[in-house]
Amino acid sequence: MYEPIRTKSVHAHGPHRSRQEELEIRLAGHFMALLTVTDELRALTPSAALDEAAARLAGWVERLHGGRPLRAVPTARTAGPGHVAALHQRAHTLAGQALVVATQRGDAAGATLAEERLHAHAAALGIAGAA
């Protein structure tokens, strides 16, 4: 027959995060990924709007994560329009994901930032109704 289990499962007990904590972690992750793509776009196509967006995203990551985000300095290089468009597409996707999580979390300010970035990248991609 079967031997009874004599030890407690390591999966059954332990600290559990609340739904709010899980959403906070997810939102920080989406904003961090969006910050990384924004930094790369800043290196390829410098602009004051991207600088401001990066500063705001870094502030949100710091607040949600509890510490300054680790940021790699992208190397400035020449990139074709296809690469820049792919970065804007990635940023658009990440901003959309952040918007969903911020909305689930009931975070109006986070949702506003995500929506602003969503529209900015949609405009850069020429997506209709982006403005």
C-alpha atoms as a PDB file:
ATOM      1  CA  MET A   1       0.000   0.000   0.000  1.00  0.00           C
ATOM      2  CA  TYR A   2       0.893   3.651   0.239  1.00  0.00           C
ATOM      3  CA  GLU A   3       3.109   5.169   2.888  1.00  0.00           C
ATOM      4  CA  PRO A   4       1.405   8.102   4.647  1.00  0.00           C
ATOM      5  CA  ILE A   5       3.032  11.514   4.240  1.00  0.00           C
ATOM      6  CA  ARG A   6       4.886  12.321   7.446  1.00  0.00           C
ATOM      7  CA  THR A   7       6.061  15.844   6.681  1.00  0.00           C
ATOM      8  CA  LYS A   8       4.090  18.942   5.948  1.00  0.00           C
ATOM      9  CA  SER A   9       4.007  20.222   2.416  1.00  0.00           C
ATOM     10  CA  VAL A  10       6.238  23.196   1.762  1.00  0.00           C
ATOM     11  CA  HIS A  11       3.611  24.502  -0.629  1.00  0.00           C
ATOM     12  CA  ALA A  12       0.634  24.441   1.705  1.00  0.00           C
ATOM     13  CA  HIS A  13       1.880  26.910   4.288  1.00  0.00           C
ATOM     14  CA  GLY A  14       3.829  30.111   4.354  1.00  0.00           C
ATOM     15  CA  PRO A  15       3.344  33.761   3.733  1.00  0.00           C
ATOM     16  CA  HIS A  16       0.783  34.645   1.130  1.00  0.00           C
ATOM     17  CA  ARG A  17       0.461  37.987  -0.583  1.00  0.00           C
ATOM     18  CA  SER A  18      -2.831  39.752  -0.859  1.00  0.00           C
ATOM     19  CA  ARG A  19      -4.345  40.470  -4.257  1.00  0.00           C
ATOM     20  CA  GLN A  20      -3.382  44.152  -3.828  1.00  0.00           C
ATOM     21  CA  GLU A  21       0.237  43.193  -3.150  1.00  0.00           C
ATOM     22  CA  GLU A  22       0.313  40.937  -6.204  1.00  0.00           C
ATOM     23  CA  LEU A  23      -1.139  43.703  -8.377  1.00  0.00           C
ATOM     24  CA  GLU A  24       1.404  46.170  -6.985  1.00  0.00           C
ATOM     25  CA  ILE A  25       4.257  43.820  -7.876  1.00  0.00           C
ATOM     26  CA  ARG A  26       2.853  43.307 -11.383  1.00  0.00           C
ATOM     27  CA  LEU A  27       2.387  47.046 -11.926  1.00  0.00           C
ATOM     28  CA  ALA A  28       5.957  47.745 -10.797  1.00  0.00           C
ATOM     29  CA  GLY A  29       7.178  45.095 -13.236  1.00  0.00           C
ATOM     30  CA  HIS A  30       5.232  46.532 -16.168  1.00  0.00           C
ATOM     31  CA  PHE A  31       6.410  50.066 -15.382  1.00  0.00           C
ATOM     32  CA  MET A  32      10.016  48.829 -15.043  1.00  0.00           C
ATOM     33  CA  ALA A  33       9.854  47.083 -18.418  1.00  0.00           C
ATOM     34  CA  LEU A  34       8.283  50.198 -19.946  1.00  0.00           C
ATOM     35  CA  LEU A  35      11.063  52.306 -18.421  1.00  0.00           C
ATOM     36  CA  THR A  36      13.689  50.040 -19.993  1.00  0.00           C
ATOM     37  CA  VAL A  37      12.140  50.380 -23.451  1.00  0.00           C
ATOM     38  CA  THR A  38      11.735  54.144 -22.924  1.00  0.00           C
ATOM     39  CA  ASP A  39      15.422  54.439 -22.034  1.00  0.00           C
ATOM     40  CA  GLU A  40      16.355  52.631 -25.238  1.00  0.00           C
ATOM     41  CA  LEU A  41      14.078  54.902 -27.260  1.00  0.00           C
ATOM     42  CA  ARG A  42      15.685  57.918 -25.546  1.00  0.00           C
ATOM     43  CA  ALA A  43      19.121  56.712 -26.688  1.00  0.00           C
ATOM     44  CA  LEU A  44      17.951  56.238 -30.280  1.00  0.00           C
ATOM     45  CA  THR A  45      15.566  59.181 -30.651  1.00  0.00           C
ATOM     46  CA  PRO A  46      16.284  61.712 -27.878  1.00  0.00           C
ATOM     47  CA  SER A  47      13.393  63.973 -26.907  1.00  0.00           C
ATOM     48  CA  ALA A  48      12.229  65.974 -23.920  1.00  0.00           C
ATOM     49  CA  ALA A  49       8.946  64.045 -23.902  1.00  0.00           C
ATOM     50  CA  LEU A  50      10.767  60.716 -23.529  1.00  0.00           C
ATOM     51  CA  ASP A  51      13.031  62.200 -20.834  1.00  0.00           C
ATOM     52  CA  GLU A  52       9.970  63.325 -18.866  1.00  0.00           C
ATOM     53  CA  ALA A  53       8.251  59.971 -19.353  1.00  0.00           C
ATOM     54  CA  ALA A  54      11.352  58.122 -18.124  1.00  0.00           C
ATOM     55  CA  ALA A  55      11.551  60.322 -15.023  1.00  0.00           C
ATOM     56  CA  ARG A  56       7.875  59.745 -14.211  1.00  0.00           C
ATOM     57  CA  LEU A  57       8.149  55.990 -14.774  1.00  0.00           C
ATOM     58  CA  ALA A  58      11.268  55.815 -12.586  1.00  0.00           C
ATOM     59  CA  GLY A  59       9.383  57.644  -9.832  1.00  0.00           C
ATOM     60  CA  TRP A  60       6.534  55.151 -10.010  1.00  0.00           C
ATOM     61  CA  VAL A  61       8.847  52.156  -9.962  1.00  0.00           C
ATOM     62  CA  GLU A  62      10.668  53.627  -6.973  1.00  0.00           C
ATOM     63  CA  ARG A  63       7.405  54.172  -5.108  1.00  0.00           C
ATOM     64  CA  LEU A  64       5.956  50.745  -5.920  1.00  0.00           C
ATOM     65  CA  HIS A  65       9.162  48.757  -5.575  1.00  0.00           C
ATOM     66  CA  GLY A  66      10.530  50.601  -2.560  1.00  0.00           C
ATOM     67  CA  GLY A  67      13.879  51.510  -4.093  1.00  0.00           C
ATOM     68  CA  ARG A  68      15.477  53.191  -7.048  1.00  0.00           C
ATOM     69  CA  PRO A  69      15.160  51.108 -10.206  1.00  0.00           C
ATOM     70  CA  LEU A  70      18.305  49.609 -11.656  1.00  0.00           C
ATOM     71  CA  ARG A  71      18.759  51.154 -15.058  1.00  0.00           C
ATOM     72  CA  ALA A  72      21.178  50.146 -17.750  1.00  0.00           C
ATOM     73  CA  VAL A  73      22.516  52.936 -19.888  1.00  0.00           C
ATOM     74  CA  PRO A  74      21.692  52.037 -23.484  1.00  0.00           C
ATOM     75  CA  THR A  75      24.450  52.617 -25.955  1.00  0.00           C
ATOM     76  CA  ALA A  76      23.567  55.182 -28.559  1.00  0.00           C
ATOM     77  CA  ARG A  77      23.656  53.516 -31.920  1.00  0.00           C
ATOM     78  CA  THR A  78      22.085  53.982 -35.267  1.00  0.00           C
ATOM     79  CA  ALA A  79      18.886  52.075 -35.647  1.00  0.00           C
ATOM     80  CA  GLY A  80      16.585  51.854 -38.592  1.00  0.00           C
ATOM     81  CA  PRO A  81      12.968  52.921 -38.486  1.00  0.00           C
ATOM     82  CA  GLY A  82      11.909  49.291 -38.158  1.00  0.00           C
ATOM     83  CA  HIS A  83      13.799  48.888 -34.891  1.00  0.00           C
ATOM     84  CA  VAL A  84      12.394  52.138 -33.468  1.00  0.00           C
ATOM     85  CA  ALA A  85       8.883  51.104 -34.531  1.00  0.00           C
ATOM     86  CA  ALA A  86       9.372  47.717 -32.839  1.00  0.00           C
ATOM     87  CA  LEU A  87      10.387  49.493 -29.630  1.00  0.00           C
ATOM     88  CA  HIS A  88       7.307  51.724 -29.811  1.00  0.00           C
ATOM     89  CA  GLN A  89       5.154  48.620 -30.381  1.00  0.00           C
ATOM     90  CA  ARG A  90       6.698  46.926 -27.334  1.00  0.00           C
ATOM     91  CA  ALA A  91       6.208  50.069 -25.248  1.00  0.00           C
ATOM     92  CA  HIS A  92       2.599  50.318 -26.442  1.00  0.00           C
ATOM     93  CA  THR A  93       1.958  46.731 -25.356  1.00  0.00           C
ATOM     94  CA  LEU A  94       3.597  47.272 -21.952  1.00  0.00           C
ATOM     95  CA  ALA A  95       1.655  50.485 -21.365  1.00  0.00           C
ATOM     96  CA  GLY A  96      -1.576  48.625 -22.155  1.00  0.00           C
ATOM     97  CA  GLN A  97      -0.705  45.892 -19.675  1.00  0.00           C
ATOM     98  CA  ALA A  98       0.167  48.485 -17.030  1.00  0.00           C
ATOM     99  CA  LEU A  99      -3.150  50.227 -17.671  1.00  0.00           C
ATOM    100  CA  VAL A 100      -5.070  46.996 -17.079  1.00  0.00           C
ATOM    101  CA  VAL A 101      -3.228  46.266 -13.818  1.00  0.00           C
ATOM    102  CA  ALA A 102      -3.503  49.860 -12.554  1.00  0.00           C
ATOM    103  CA  THR A 103      -7.246  49.778 -13.277  1.00  0.00           C
ATOM    104  CA  GLN A 104      -7.642  46.440 -11.455  1.00  0.00           C
ATOM    105  CA  ARG A 105      -5.724  47.947  -8.556  1.00  0.00           C
ATOM    106  CA  GLY A 106      -7.961  51.024  -8.460  1.00  0.00           C
ATOM    107  CA  ASP A 107      -4.891  53.231  -8.986  1.00  0.00           C
ATOM    108  CA  ALA A 108      -6.165  56.259 -10.889  1.00  0.00           C
ATOM    109  CA  ALA A 109      -2.795  58.037 -11.047  1.00  0.00           C
ATOM    110  CA  GLY A 110      -0.996  54.911 -12.272  1.00  0.00           C
ATOM    111  CA  ALA A 111      -3.722  54.325 -14.839  1.00  0.00           C
ATOM    112  CA  THR A 112      -3.369  57.918 -16.051  1.00  0.00           C
ATOM    113  CA  LEU A 113       0.391  57.525 -16.549  1.00  0.00           C
ATOM    114  CA  ALA A 114      -0.076  54.206 -18.356  1.00  0.00           C
ATOM    115  CA  GLU A 115      -2.788  55.696 -20.567  1.00  0.00           C
ATOM    116  CA  GLU A 116      -0.598  58.688 -21.438  1.00  0.00           C
ATOM    117  CA  ARG A 117       2.239  56.364 -22.471  1.00  0.00           C
ATOM    118  CA  LEU A 118      -0.200  54.162 -24.388  1.00  0.00           C
ATOM    119  CA  HIS A 119      -1.405  57.156 -26.415  1.00  0.00           C
ATOM    120  CA  ALA A 120       2.118  58.508 -26.963  1.00  0.00           C
ATOM    121  CA  HIS A 121       3.369  55.224 -28.388  1.00  0.00           C
ATOM    122  CA  ALA A 122       0.206  54.734 -30.429  1.00  0.00           C
ATOM    123  CA  ALA A 123       0.760  58.180 -31.949  1.00  0.00           C
ATOM    124  CA  ALA A 124       4.385  57.285 -32.729  1.00  0.00           C
ATOM    125  CA  LEU A 125       3.127  54.152 -34.483  1.00  0.00           C
ATOM    126  CA  GLY A 126       0.474  56.079 -36.405  1.00  0.00           C
ATOM    127  CA  ILE A 127      -2.369  54.096 -34.873  1.00  0.00           C
ATOM    128  CA  ALA A 128      -5.705  55.766 -35.661  1.00  0.00           C
ATOM    129  CA  GLY A 129      -7.469  57.382 -32.704  1.00  0.00           C
ATOM    130  CA  ALA A 130      -4.224  57.763 -30.765  1.00  0.00           C
ATOM    131  CA  ALA A 131      -4.752  61.401 -29.895  1.00  0.00           C
END
